[in-house]
C-alpha atoms as a PDB file:
ATOM      1  CA  MET A   1     -10.539 -11.743 -22.189  1.00  0.00           C
ATOM      2  CA  ASP A   2      -6.717 -12.585 -22.141  1.00  0.00           C
ATOM      3  CA  VAL A   3      -6.659 -16.400 -22.028  1.00  0.00           C
ATOM      4  CA  LYS A   4      -3.115 -16.763 -20.863  1.00  0.00           C
ATOM      5  CA  ALA A   5      -3.400 -14.298 -17.973  1.00  0.00           C
ATOM      6  CA  THR A   6      -6.634 -15.931 -17.019  1.00  0.00           C
ATOM      7  CA  GLU A   7      -4.936 -19.360 -16.898  1.00  0.00           C
ATOM      8  CA  ILE A   8      -2.190 -17.899 -14.676  1.00  0.00           C
ATOM      9  CA  LEU A   9      -4.347 -16.022 -12.185  1.00  0.00           C
ATOM     10  CA  GLY A  10      -7.807 -17.595 -12.473  1.00  0.00           C
ATOM     11  CA  ASN A  11      -7.302 -20.369 -10.069  1.00  0.00           C
ATOM     12  CA  LEU A  12      -5.511 -18.805  -7.164  1.00  0.00           C
ATOM     13  CA  TYR A  13      -8.330 -19.849  -4.767  1.00  0.00           C
ATOM     14  CA  LYS A  14      -7.741 -23.561  -5.301  1.00  0.00           C
ATOM     15  CA  ASN A  15      -4.466 -23.229  -3.315  1.00  0.00           C
ATOM     16  CA  VAL A  16      -5.993 -21.322  -0.404  1.00  0.00           C
ATOM     17  CA  LYS A  17      -5.979 -23.210   2.883  1.00  0.00           C
ATOM     18  CA  HIS A  18      -7.660 -22.704   6.258  1.00  0.00           C
ATOM     19  CA  ASN A  19     -10.745 -21.056   4.945  1.00  0.00           C
ATOM     20  CA  ASP A  20     -12.760 -22.316   7.823  1.00  0.00           C
ATOM     21  CA  GLN A  21     -10.419 -20.598  10.259  1.00  0.00           C
ATOM     22  CA  ARG A  22     -10.223 -17.334   8.308  1.00  0.00           C
ATOM     23  CA  ILE A  23      -9.768 -14.060  10.088  1.00  0.00           C
ATOM     24  CA  ASN A  24      -9.330 -10.702   8.326  1.00  0.00           C
ATOM     25  CA  TYR A  25      -7.687  -7.944  10.217  1.00  0.00           C
ATOM     26  CA  GLN A  26      -9.055  -4.429   9.395  1.00  0.00           C
ATOM     27  CA  ALA A  27      -7.435  -1.072  10.276  1.00  0.00           C
ATOM     28  CA  MET A  28      -9.954   1.650  10.988  1.00  0.00           C
ATOM     29  CA  ILE A  29      -8.004   4.819  10.413  1.00  0.00           C
ATOM     30  CA  PHE A  30      -9.075   8.367  11.276  1.00  0.00           C
ATOM     31  CA  ILE A  31      -6.528  11.018  10.361  1.00  0.00           C
ATOM     32  CA  GLY A  32      -7.147  14.740   9.977  1.00  0.00           C
ATOM     33  CA  GLY A  33      -5.085  17.889   9.342  1.00  0.00           C
ATOM     34  CA  CYS A  34      -1.858  16.078   8.337  1.00  0.00           C
ATOM     35  CA  ASN A  35      -0.190  13.854   5.928  1.00  0.00           C
ATOM     36  CA  TYR A  36       0.487  10.290   7.027  1.00  0.00           C
ATOM     37  CA  GLU A  37       1.616   6.796   6.280  1.00  0.00           C
ATOM     38  CA  VAL A  38       0.310   3.663   8.167  1.00  0.00           C
ATOM     39  CA  LEU A  39       2.655   0.620   8.193  1.00  0.00           C
ATOM     40  CA  ILE A  40       2.017  -2.904   9.457  1.00  0.00           C
ATOM     41  CA  ASN A  41       5.306  -4.843   9.984  1.00  0.00           C
ATOM     42  CA  ASP A  42       6.981  -1.933   8.101  1.00  0.00           C
ATOM     43  CA  TYR A  43       4.726  -2.546   4.991  1.00  0.00           C
ATOM     44  CA  PRO A  44       2.671   0.477   3.917  1.00  0.00           C
ATOM     45  CA  VAL A  45      -1.065  -0.177   4.072  1.00  0.00           C
ATOM     46  CA  ASP A  46      -2.446   3.390   3.807  1.00  0.00           C
ATOM     47  CA  ARG A  47      -0.929   6.818   3.077  1.00  0.00           C
ATOM     48  CA  TYR A  48      -1.843  10.335   2.077  1.00  0.00           C
ATOM     49  CA  PHE A  49       0.510  13.064   0.920  1.00  0.00           C
ATOM     50  CA  GLY A  50      -1.448  15.999  -0.320  1.00  0.00           C
ATOM     51  CA  PRO A  51      -3.113  19.363   0.331  1.00  0.00           C
ATOM     52  CA  GLY A  52      -5.959  20.189   2.687  1.00  0.00           C
ATOM     53  CA  ASP A  53      -6.652  20.327   6.421  1.00  0.00           C
ATOM     54  CA  GLY A  54      -9.713  18.073   6.130  1.00  0.00           C
ATOM     55  CA  SER A  55     -10.017  14.593   7.667  1.00  0.00           C
ATOM     56  CA  SER A  56     -10.340  11.114   6.190  1.00  0.00           C
ATOM     57  CA  SER A  57     -11.614   7.943   7.616  1.00  0.00           C
ATOM     58  CA  GLY A  58     -11.961   4.304   6.317  1.00  0.00           C
ATOM     59  CA  SER A  59     -11.298   0.635   6.862  1.00  0.00           C
ATOM     60  CA  THR A  60      -8.221  -0.872   5.373  1.00  0.00           C
ATOM     61  CA  PRO A  61      -7.472  -4.644   5.094  1.00  0.00           C
ATOM     62  CA  ILE A  62      -4.041  -5.426   6.488  1.00  0.00           C
ATOM     63  CA  ASN A  63      -3.607  -9.217   6.153  1.00  0.00           C
ATOM     64  CA  ILE A  64      -1.491  -8.467   3.152  1.00  0.00           C
ATOM     65  CA  ALA A  65       1.217  -7.262   5.581  1.00  0.00           C
ATOM     66  CA  ILE A  66       0.883 -10.185   8.045  1.00  0.00           C
ATOM     67  CA  LEU A  67       3.003 -13.093   7.167  1.00  0.00           C
ATOM     68  CA  LYS A  68       2.316 -15.397  10.114  1.00  0.00           C
ATOM     69  CA  PRO A  69       0.569 -15.642  13.444  1.00  0.00           C
ATOM     70  CA  GLY A  70       2.038 -13.928  16.494  1.00  0.00           C
ATOM     71  CA  ILE A  71       3.157 -10.428  17.411  1.00  0.00           C
ATOM     72  CA  GLN A  72       2.838  -7.845  14.704  1.00  0.00           C
ATOM     73  CA  LYS A  73       4.212  -4.243  14.555  1.00  0.00           C
ATOM     74  CA  TRP A  74       2.211  -1.120  13.697  1.00  0.00           C
ATOM     75  CA  LYS A  75       3.462   2.393  13.033  1.00  0.00           C
ATOM     76  CA  ILE A  76       1.967   5.670  11.989  1.00  0.00           C
ATOM     77  CA  LYS A  77       4.185   8.300  10.431  1.00  0.00           C
ATOM     78  CA  VAL A  78       2.721  11.770  10.585  1.00  0.00           C
ATOM     79  CA  TYR A  79       3.921  14.761   8.431  1.00  0.00           C
ATOM     80  CA  PRO A  80       2.769  18.360   7.863  1.00  0.00           C
ATOM     81  CA  VAL A  81       0.037  18.916   5.151  1.00  0.00           C
ATOM     82  CA  ARG A  82       1.219  20.156   1.748  1.00  0.00           C
ATOM     83  CA  ASP A  83       0.220  23.372   0.114  1.00  0.00           C
ATOM     84  CA  ARG A  84      -0.169  24.061  -3.599  1.00  0.00           C
ATOM     85  CA  LYS A  85       2.496  26.517  -4.654  1.00  0.00           C
ATOM     86  CA  GLU A  86       4.045  27.638  -7.906  1.00  0.00           C
ATOM     87  CA  VAL A  87       7.692  26.708  -8.095  1.00  0.00           C
ATOM     88  CA  ASN A  88       9.713  27.549 -11.207  1.00  0.00           C
ATOM     89  CA  GLY A  89       6.570  28.266 -13.150  1.00  0.00           C
ATOM     90  CA  GLU A  90       4.862  24.946 -12.107  1.00  0.00           C
ATOM     91  CA  VAL A  91       2.299  24.238  -9.568  1.00  0.00           C
ATOM     92  CA  THR A  92       3.452  21.645  -7.054  1.00  0.00           C
ATOM     93  CA  LEU A  93       2.847  20.429  -3.542  1.00  0.00           C
ATOM     94  CA  VAL A  94       5.156  21.970  -0.859  1.00  0.00           C
ATOM     95  CA  PRO A  95       5.096  20.612   2.781  1.00  0.00           C
ATOM     96  CA  GLN A  96       4.480  23.015   5.565  1.00  0.00           C
ATOM     97  CA  ASN A  97       7.140  23.335   8.179  1.00  0.00           C
ATOM     98  CA  ILE A  98       5.351  21.854  11.109  1.00  0.00           C
ATOM     99  CA  ILE A  99       2.372  19.737  11.973  1.00  0.00           C
ATOM    100  CA  GLN A 100      -0.548  21.922  13.016  1.00  0.00           C
ATOM    101  CA  PRO A 101      -2.419  21.746  16.461  1.00  0.00           C
ATOM    102  CA  GLY A 102      -5.654  20.659  14.737  1.00  0.00           C
ATOM    103  CA  ALA A 103      -4.081  17.401  13.436  1.00  0.00           C
ATOM    104  CA  ARG A 104      -5.804  14.214  14.739  1.00  0.00           C
ATOM    105  CA  VAL A 105      -4.465  10.649  14.592  1.00  0.00           C
ATOM    106  CA  GLU A 106      -6.637   7.649  15.581  1.00  0.00           C
ATOM    107  CA  MET A 107      -6.566   3.956  14.621  1.00  0.00           C
ATOM    108  CA  GLU A 108      -8.231   0.700  15.621  1.00  0.00           C
ATOM    109  CA  ILE A 109      -7.440  -2.715  14.420  1.00  0.00           C
ATOM    110  CA  GLU A 110     -10.083  -5.452  14.688  1.00  0.00           C
ATOM    111  CA  GLY A 111     -10.213  -9.109  13.488  1.00  0.00           C
ATOM    112  CA  VAL A 112     -13.365 -10.176  11.594  1.00  0.00           C
ATOM    113  CA  ARG A 113     -14.813 -12.979   9.595  1.00  0.00           C
ATOM    114  CA  PHE A 114     -16.548 -12.091   6.390  1.00  0.00           C
ATOM    115  CA  SER A 115     -19.386 -14.273   4.966  1.00  0.00           C
ATOM    116  CA  GLU A 116     -19.618 -14.963   1.212  1.00  0.00           C
ATOM    117  CA  ASN A 117     -21.753 -12.019   0.556  1.00  0.00           C
ATOM    118  CA  GLY A 118     -19.161  -9.677   2.150  1.00  0.00           C
ATOM    119  CA  ASP A 119     -21.018  -9.065   5.489  1.00  0.00           C
ATOM    120  CA  ILE A 120     -19.333  -9.429   8.764  1.00  0.00           C
ATOM    121  CA  GLU A 121     -20.115 -12.960  10.026  1.00  0.00           C
ATOM    122  CA  LYS A 122     -18.056 -12.807  13.267  1.00  0.00           C
ATOM    123  CA  ARG A 123     -15.997 -10.290  15.169  1.00  0.00           C
ATOM    124  CA  PHE A 124     -12.970 -11.327  17.084  1.00  0.00           C
ATOM    125  CA  GLY A 125     -12.466  -8.063  18.965  1.00  0.00           C
ATOM    126  CA  LYS A 126     -10.215  -5.062  18.706  1.00  0.00           C
ATOM    127  CA  VAL A 127      -6.482  -5.601  19.188  1.00  0.00           C
ATOM    128  CA  VAL A 128      -5.391  -2.014  18.797  1.00  0.00           C
ATOM    129  CA  LYS A 129      -7.213   1.096  19.930  1.00  0.00           C
ATOM    130  CA  PHE A 130      -5.063   4.150  19.559  1.00  0.00           C
ATOM    131  CA  GLU A 131      -5.589   7.923  19.795  1.00  0.00           C
ATOM    132  CA  ALA A 132      -2.753  10.320  19.567  1.00  0.00           C
ATOM    133  CA  PRO A 133      -2.726  12.329  22.887  1.00  0.00           C
ATOM    134  CA  LEU A 134      -4.359  15.730  23.040  1.00  0.00           C
ATOM    135  CA  LYS A 135      -3.864  18.723  25.356  1.00  0.00           C
ATOM    136  CA  LYS A 136      -6.028  21.600  26.155  1.00  0.00           C
ATOM    137  CA  ASP A 137      -4.754  25.041  24.938  1.00  0.00           C
ATOM    138  CA  ASP A 138      -4.642  27.496  27.952  1.00  0.00           C
ATOM    139  CA  LYS A 139      -5.677  30.446  25.919  1.00  0.00           C
ATOM    140  CA  SER A 140      -8.338  29.019  23.560  1.00  0.00           C
ATOM    141  CA  GLY A 141      -9.534  26.068  25.717  1.00  0.00           C
ATOM    142  CA  GLN A 142      -9.547  23.938  22.602  1.00  0.00           C
ATOM    143  CA  ASN A 143      -7.944  20.481  22.371  1.00  0.00           C
ATOM    144  CA  MET A 144      -4.665  20.374  20.483  1.00  0.00           C
ATOM    145  CA  LEU A 145      -2.451  17.532  19.238  1.00  0.00           C
ATOM    146  CA  ASN A 146       0.093  17.203  22.111  1.00  0.00           C
ATOM    147  CA  ASP A 147       3.020  16.759  19.692  1.00  0.00           C
ATOM    148  CA  ALA A 148       1.973  19.568  17.242  1.00  0.00           C
ATOM    149  CA  GLY A 149       4.634  21.981  16.171  1.00  0.00           C
ATOM    150  CA  LYS A 150       7.100  19.267  15.094  1.00  0.00           C
ATOM    151  CA  PRO A 151       8.094  18.432  11.501  1.00  0.00           C
ATOM    152  CA  TYR A 152       7.589  14.766  12.007  1.00  0.00           C
ATOM    153  CA  ILE A 153       5.795  12.490  14.588  1.00  0.00           C
ATOM    154  CA  GLU A 154       5.879   8.764  14.884  1.00  0.00           C
ATOM    155  CA  TYR A 155       3.604   6.542  16.924  1.00  0.00           C
ATOM    156  CA  SER A 156       3.995   2.729  17.149  1.00  0.00           C
ATOM    157  CA  GLY A 157       2.996  -0.481  18.928  1.00  0.00           C
ATOM    158  CA  THR A 158       2.303  -4.120  18.648  1.00  0.00           C
ATOM    159  CA  PHE A 159      -0.650  -6.441  18.447  1.00  0.00           C
ATOM    160  CA  GLN A 160      -1.425 -10.116  18.376  1.00  0.00           C
ATOM    161  CA  ALA A 161      -2.715 -11.650  15.149  1.00  0.00           C
ATOM    162  CA  ASP A 162      -4.072 -15.095  15.036  1.00  0.00           C
ATOM    163  CA  VAL A 163      -4.001 -15.818  11.301  1.00  0.00           C
ATOM    164  CA  PRO A 164      -4.090 -19.582  10.497  1.00  0.00           C
ATOM    165  CA  TYR A 165      -1.453 -19.249   7.567  1.00  0.00           C
ATOM    166  CA  THR A 166       2.278 -18.600   7.191  1.00  0.00           C
ATOM    167  CA  LEU A 167       3.605 -16.813   4.073  1.00  0.00           C
ATOM    168  CA  SER A 168       7.220 -16.731   2.834  1.00  0.00           C
ATOM    169  CA  GLY A 169       6.847 -13.059   1.917  1.00  0.00           C
ATOM    170  CA  TRP A 170      10.063 -11.079   2.444  1.00  0.00           C
ATOM    171  CA  GLU A 171      10.932 -12.604   5.836  1.00  0.00           C
ATOM    172  CA  ASN A 172      14.089 -14.310   4.530  1.00  0.00           C
ATOM    173  CA  SER A 173      14.879 -12.053   1.654  1.00  0.00           C
ATOM    174  CA  THR A 174      18.066 -10.065   1.025  1.00  0.00           C
ATOM    175  CA  ASP A 175      18.589  -7.059   3.237  1.00  0.00           C
ATOM    176  CA  LEU A 176      18.562  -4.383   0.434  1.00  0.00           C
ATOM    177  CA  SER A 177      19.638  -1.637   2.805  1.00  0.00           C
ATOM    178  CA  LYS A 178      23.073  -3.290   2.719  1.00  0.00           C
ATOM    179  CA  MET A 179      23.330  -3.113  -1.093  1.00  0.00           C
ATOM    180  CA  ASN A 180      25.041  -0.322  -2.942  1.00  0.00           C
ATOM    181  CA  SER A 181      22.228   2.232  -3.448  1.00  0.00           C
ATOM    182  CA  ALA A 182      23.168   3.093  -7.070  1.00  0.00           C
ATOM    183  CA  VAL A 183      23.204  -0.640  -7.957  1.00  0.00           C
ATOM    184  CA  LEU A 184      19.881  -1.258  -6.303  1.00  0.00           C
ATOM    185  CA  GLU A 185      18.237   1.793  -8.072  1.00  0.00           C
ATOM    186  CA  LYS A 186      19.543   0.643 -11.421  1.00  0.00           C
ATOM    187  CA  GLN A 187      18.088  -2.850 -10.909  1.00  0.00           C
ATOM    188  CA  LEU A 188      14.813  -1.409  -9.671  1.00  0.00           C
ATOM    189  CA  LEU A 189      14.463   0.991 -12.530  1.00  0.00           C
ATOM    190  CA  LYS A 190      15.085  -1.896 -14.954  1.00  0.00           C
ATOM    191  CA  GLU A 191      12.096  -3.663 -13.462  1.00  0.00           C
ATOM    192  CA  TYR A 192       9.837  -0.623 -13.655  1.00  0.00           C
ATOM    193  CA  GLN A 193      10.756   0.001 -17.233  1.00  0.00           C
ATOM    194  CA  LYS A 194       9.869  -3.656 -17.984  1.00  0.00           C
ATOM    195  CA  PHE A 195       6.418  -3.152 -16.527  1.00  0.00           C
ATOM    196  CA  HIS A 196       6.127   0.264 -18.269  1.00  0.00           C
ATOM    197  CA  GLY A 197       6.525  -1.496 -21.567  1.00  0.00           C
ATOM    198  CA  TRP A 198       4.188  -4.299 -20.728  1.00  0.00           C
ATOM    199  CA  LEU A 199       1.486  -1.802 -19.693  1.00  0.00           C
ATOM    200  CA  GLN A 200       1.992   0.287 -22.795  1.00  0.00           C
ATOM    201  CA  ASN A 201       1.683  -2.778 -24.948  1.00  0.00           C
ATOM    202  CA  GLY A 202      -1.013  -4.704 -23.081  1.00  0.00           C
ATOM    203  CA  LYS A 203       1.269  -7.679 -22.236  1.00  0.00           C
ATOM    204  CA  LEU A 204      -1.099  -9.095 -19.620  1.00  0.00           C
ATOM    205  CA  ASP A 205       0.450 -12.655 -19.692  1.00  0.00           C
ATOM    206  CA  GLU A 206       3.895 -11.199 -18.852  1.00  0.00           C
ATOM    207  CA  MET A 207       2.581  -9.140 -15.987  1.00  0.00           C
ATOM    208  CA  ALA A 208       0.474 -11.862 -14.608  1.00  0.00           C
ATOM    209  CA  ASN A 209       3.420 -14.261 -14.583  1.00  0.00           C
ATOM    210  CA  ALA A 210       5.647 -11.695 -12.924  1.00  0.00           C
ATOM    211  CA  LYS A 211       3.028 -11.053 -10.176  1.00  0.00           C
ATOM    212  CA  LEU A 212       2.036 -14.662  -9.775  1.00  0.00           C
ATOM    213  CA  THR A 213       3.993 -15.415  -6.476  1.00  0.00           C
ATOM    214  CA  ALA A 214       2.783 -12.246  -4.922  1.00  0.00           C
ATOM    215  CA  GLU A 215      -0.852 -12.819  -5.981  1.00  0.00           C
ATOM    216  CA  LYS A 216      -0.726 -16.365  -4.506  1.00  0.00           C
ATOM    217  CA  GLU A 217       0.164 -14.876  -1.186  1.00  0.00           C
ATOM    218  CA  VAL A 218      -2.453 -12.232  -1.408  1.00  0.00           C
ATOM    219  CA  ALA A 219      -5.115 -14.913  -2.183  1.00  0.00           C
ATOM    220  CA  GLN A 220      -4.106 -16.804   0.960  1.00  0.00           C
ATOM    221  CA  ALA A 221      -3.953 -13.648   3.158  1.00  0.00           C
ATOM    222  CA  PHE A 222      -7.463 -12.664   2.072  1.00  0.00           C
ATOM    223  CA  PHE A 223      -8.792 -16.276   1.863  1.00  0.00           C
ATOM    224  CA  TYR A 224      -9.997 -16.101  -1.787  1.00  0.00           C
ATOM    225  CA  ASP A 225     -12.901 -18.198  -2.691  1.00  0.00           C
ATOM    226  CA  LYS A 226     -13.948 -18.800  -6.407  1.00  0.00           C
ATOM    227  CA  LYS A 227     -16.147 -15.608  -6.439  1.00  0.00           C
ATOM    228  CA  THR A 228     -13.423 -13.391  -4.899  1.00  0.00           C
ATOM    229  CA  ASN A 229     -10.869 -14.793  -7.365  1.00  0.00           C
ATOM    230  CA  GLU A 230     -13.217 -13.997 -10.211  1.00  0.00           C
ATOM    231  CA  ASN A 231     -13.655 -10.403  -9.019  1.00  0.00           C
ATOM    232  CA  PHE A 232      -9.918  -9.959  -8.604  1.00  0.00           C
ATOM    233  CA  LEU A 233      -9.209 -11.378 -12.067  1.00  0.00           C
ATOM    234  CA  SER A 234     -11.758  -9.125 -13.656  1.00  0.00           C
ATOM    235  CA  THR A 235     -10.197  -6.042 -11.963  1.00  0.00           C
ATOM    236  CA  PHE A 236      -6.706  -7.188 -12.911  1.00  0.00           C
ATOM    237  CA  LEU A 237      -7.619  -7.684 -16.574  1.00  0.00           C
ATOM    238  CA  GLN A 238      -9.378  -4.291 -16.766  1.00  0.00           C
ATOM    239  CA  ARG A 239      -6.793  -2.142 -14.834  1.00  0.00           C
ATOM    240  CA  TRP A 240      -3.500  -3.787 -16.096  1.00  0.00           C
ATOM    241  CA  GLY A 241      -4.830  -4.333 -19.533  1.00  0.00           C
ATOM    242  CA  GLN A 242      -6.527  -0.838 -19.812  1.00  0.00           C
ATOM    243  CA  LYS A 243      -7.484  -0.139 -23.445  1.00  0.00           C
ATOM    244  CA  GLY A 244      -5.976   3.088 -24.886  1.00  0.00           C
ATOM    245  CA  LEU A 245      -3.568   3.426 -22.034  1.00  0.00           C
ATOM    246  CA  LYS A 246      -0.811   5.936 -22.657  1.00  0.00           C
ATOM    247  CA  MET A 247       2.067   5.446 -20.153  1.00  0.00           C
ATOM    248  CA  GLN A 248       3.809   8.497 -18.896  1.00  0.00           C
ATOM    249  CA  PRO A 249       7.590   8.877 -18.389  1.00  0.00           C
ATOM    250  CA  LEU A 250       9.154   7.442 -15.273  1.00  0.00           C
ATOM    251  CA  GLU A 251      10.348  10.596 -13.429  1.00  0.00           C
ATOM    252  CA  ASN A 252      10.333  12.596 -10.237  1.00  0.00           C
ATOM    253  CA  TYR A 253      10.749   9.557  -8.009  1.00  0.00           C
ATOM    254  CA  LYS A 254      12.831   8.339  -5.151  1.00  0.00           C
ATOM    255  CA  VAL A 255      13.725   4.845  -3.980  1.00  0.00           C
ATOM    256  CA  ALA A 256      11.981   3.782  -0.676  1.00  0.00           C
ATOM    257  CA  LEU A 257      12.730   0.732   1.460  1.00  0.00           C
ATOM    258  CA  TYR A 258      10.165  -1.057   3.513  1.00  0.00           C
ATOM    259  CA  GLY A 259       9.897  -4.408   5.236  1.00  0.00           C
ATOM    260  CA  ASP A 260      12.800  -3.685   7.487  1.00  0.00           C
ATOM    261  CA  GLY A 261      14.946  -3.051   4.575  1.00  0.00           C
ATOM    262  CA  LYS A 262      13.901  -6.110   2.508  1.00  0.00           C
ATOM    263  CA  ILE A 263      11.263  -4.507   0.223  1.00  0.00           C
ATOM    264  CA  VAL A 264      11.968  -1.771  -2.240  1.00  0.00           C
ATOM    265  CA  THR A 265       9.690   0.406  -4.498  1.00  0.00           C
ATOM    266  CA  LEU A 266       9.691   3.714  -6.259  1.00  0.00           C
ATOM    267  CA  ILE A 267       7.713   6.650  -4.752  1.00  0.00           C
ATOM    268  CA  ASP A 268       6.550   9.784  -6.474  1.00  0.00           C
ATOM    269  CA  ASN A 269       8.297  12.721  -4.976  1.00  0.00           C
ATOM    270  CA  ILE A 270       5.119  14.933  -4.935  1.00  0.00           C
ATOM    271  CA  ASP A 271       2.187  12.818  -3.886  1.00  0.00           C
ATOM    272  CA  GLY A 272       3.728   9.660  -2.439  1.00  0.00           C
ATOM    273  CA  SER A 273       2.094   7.374  -5.008  1.00  0.00           C
ATOM    274  CA  SER A 274       3.764   5.408  -7.758  1.00  0.00           C
ATOM    275  CA  PRO A 275       5.606   7.130 -10.721  1.00  0.00           C
ATOM    276  CA  LEU A 276       4.363   4.154 -12.770  1.00  0.00           C
ATOM    277  CA  TRP A 277       1.204   5.598 -14.310  1.00  0.00           C
ATOM    278  CA  GLY A 278      -0.672   6.277 -17.556  1.00  0.00           C
ATOM    279  CA  ASN A 279      -3.867   8.000 -18.722  1.00  0.00           C
ATOM    280  CA  TYR A 280      -6.571   6.991 -21.115  1.00  0.00           C
ATOM    281  CA  GLU A 281      -9.398   8.894 -22.756  1.00  0.00           C
ATOM    282  CA  VAL A 282     -12.988   8.515 -21.505  1.00  0.00           C
ATOM    283  CA  GLY A 283     -14.549  11.301 -23.510  1.00  0.00           C
ATOM    284  CA  GLU A 284     -13.605  14.149 -25.864  1.00  0.00           C
ATOM    285  CA  ASN A 285     -10.549  15.745 -24.190  1.00  0.00           C
ATOM    286  CA  GLN A 286     -11.431  13.969 -20.973  1.00  0.00           C
ATOM    287  CA  PHE A 287      -8.937  11.506 -19.409  1.00  0.00           C
ATOM    288  CA  LYS A 288      -8.564   9.255 -16.431  1.00  0.00           C
ATOM    289  CA  ASN A 289      -5.447   7.915 -14.738  1.00  0.00           C
ATOM    290  CA  ASN A 290      -4.329   4.497 -13.673  1.00  0.00           C
ATOM    291  CA  THR A 291      -1.473   4.319 -11.112  1.00  0.00           C
ATOM    292  CA  TYR A 292       0.364   1.027 -10.572  1.00  0.00           C
ATOM    293  CA  MET A 293       2.079   0.367  -7.245  1.00  0.00           C
ATOM    294  CA  LEU A 294       4.683  -2.473  -7.067  1.00  0.00           C
ATOM    295  CA  TYR A 295       6.901  -3.706  -4.321  1.00  0.00           C
ATOM    296  CA  PHE A 296      10.040  -5.790  -5.014  1.00  0.00           C
ATOM    297  CA  HIS A 297      12.404  -8.062  -3.046  1.00  0.00           C
ATOM    298  CA  ILE A 298      15.274 -10.475  -3.754  1.00  0.00           C
ATOM    299  CA  PRO A 299      14.187 -13.989  -2.439  1.00  0.00           C
ATOM    300  CA  LYS A 300      16.627 -16.053  -0.518  1.00  0.00           C
ATOM    301  CA  GLY A 301      19.040 -17.704  -2.879  1.00  0.00           C
ATOM    302  CA  LYS A 302      18.491 -15.445  -5.760  1.00  0.00           C
ATOM    303  CA  THR A 303      20.120 -12.291  -7.084  1.00  0.00           C
ATOM    304  CA  GLU A 304      17.365 -10.491  -9.097  1.00  0.00           C
ATOM    305  CA  LEU A 305      14.436  -8.428  -7.916  1.00  0.00           C
ATOM    306  CA  GLU A 306      10.937  -9.981  -8.013  1.00  0.00           C
ATOM    307  CA  VAL A 307       7.523  -8.594  -7.280  1.00  0.00           C
ATOM    308  CA  ILE A 308       6.315  -9.521  -3.708  1.00  0.00           C
ATOM    309  CA  ARG A 309       3.200  -7.192  -3.478  1.00  0.00           C
END
């Protein structure tokens, strides 16, 4: 166990307030036949950019994107699915031109309270219940996505969240959209290269310290108790301190802005994940990958990028 990293991140729960008023908002997402990105307050909480016309569903915690009580924004960005194709001798993912009629987009958001064992102790009701409009095809009689045939669709709305906390987050951070894009990319790449080296060399204490402010906010948003903190720490030490990790080159990425222009990250051009990744051996000629997503901002009164999520 890394003693220094444990000292830095092992007691996050001690600063968590309002545990008796805790409420966790969960987004139940059902999306099929398309690629998508779900954003809460312009922060991405779920995404899929890949092949296949199948469907996926799941429950995603979204308090990480809720900074204070009141009206929150939600948005679903819908894109065509991607096909595996050979381009210049390499197999890659190429987006189709349009969103197909069979695509489906549904989302519900509900506030719940979890008990110590992880079960739902109390339900506060659904604050969002959205289903993308369908229309019946005159020829086949089948239901089709009303907006099918477009290269991009966007659905959005608002909801009330009654969280008992207020986080600084990125609300008063620098508007990065107004910065010179080349300068911003240079600064961002410098931070990624720093983490790349730390991951390669197992510098858990450096990474823990760099992520401390962000993890304090996450701990509050998810109402960490001692057990939750211990589980988080165990996962952090294992993933970010992965033994035998071989980091891969930072390449094939683009700069992406979120948080109404106040958050910046690097996005892999092909699958929409992070270009910060490495693999490790789990058996003879068998490997697994770890991908590390980071979001940065420039806090009010400062000039350098810092991790915020």
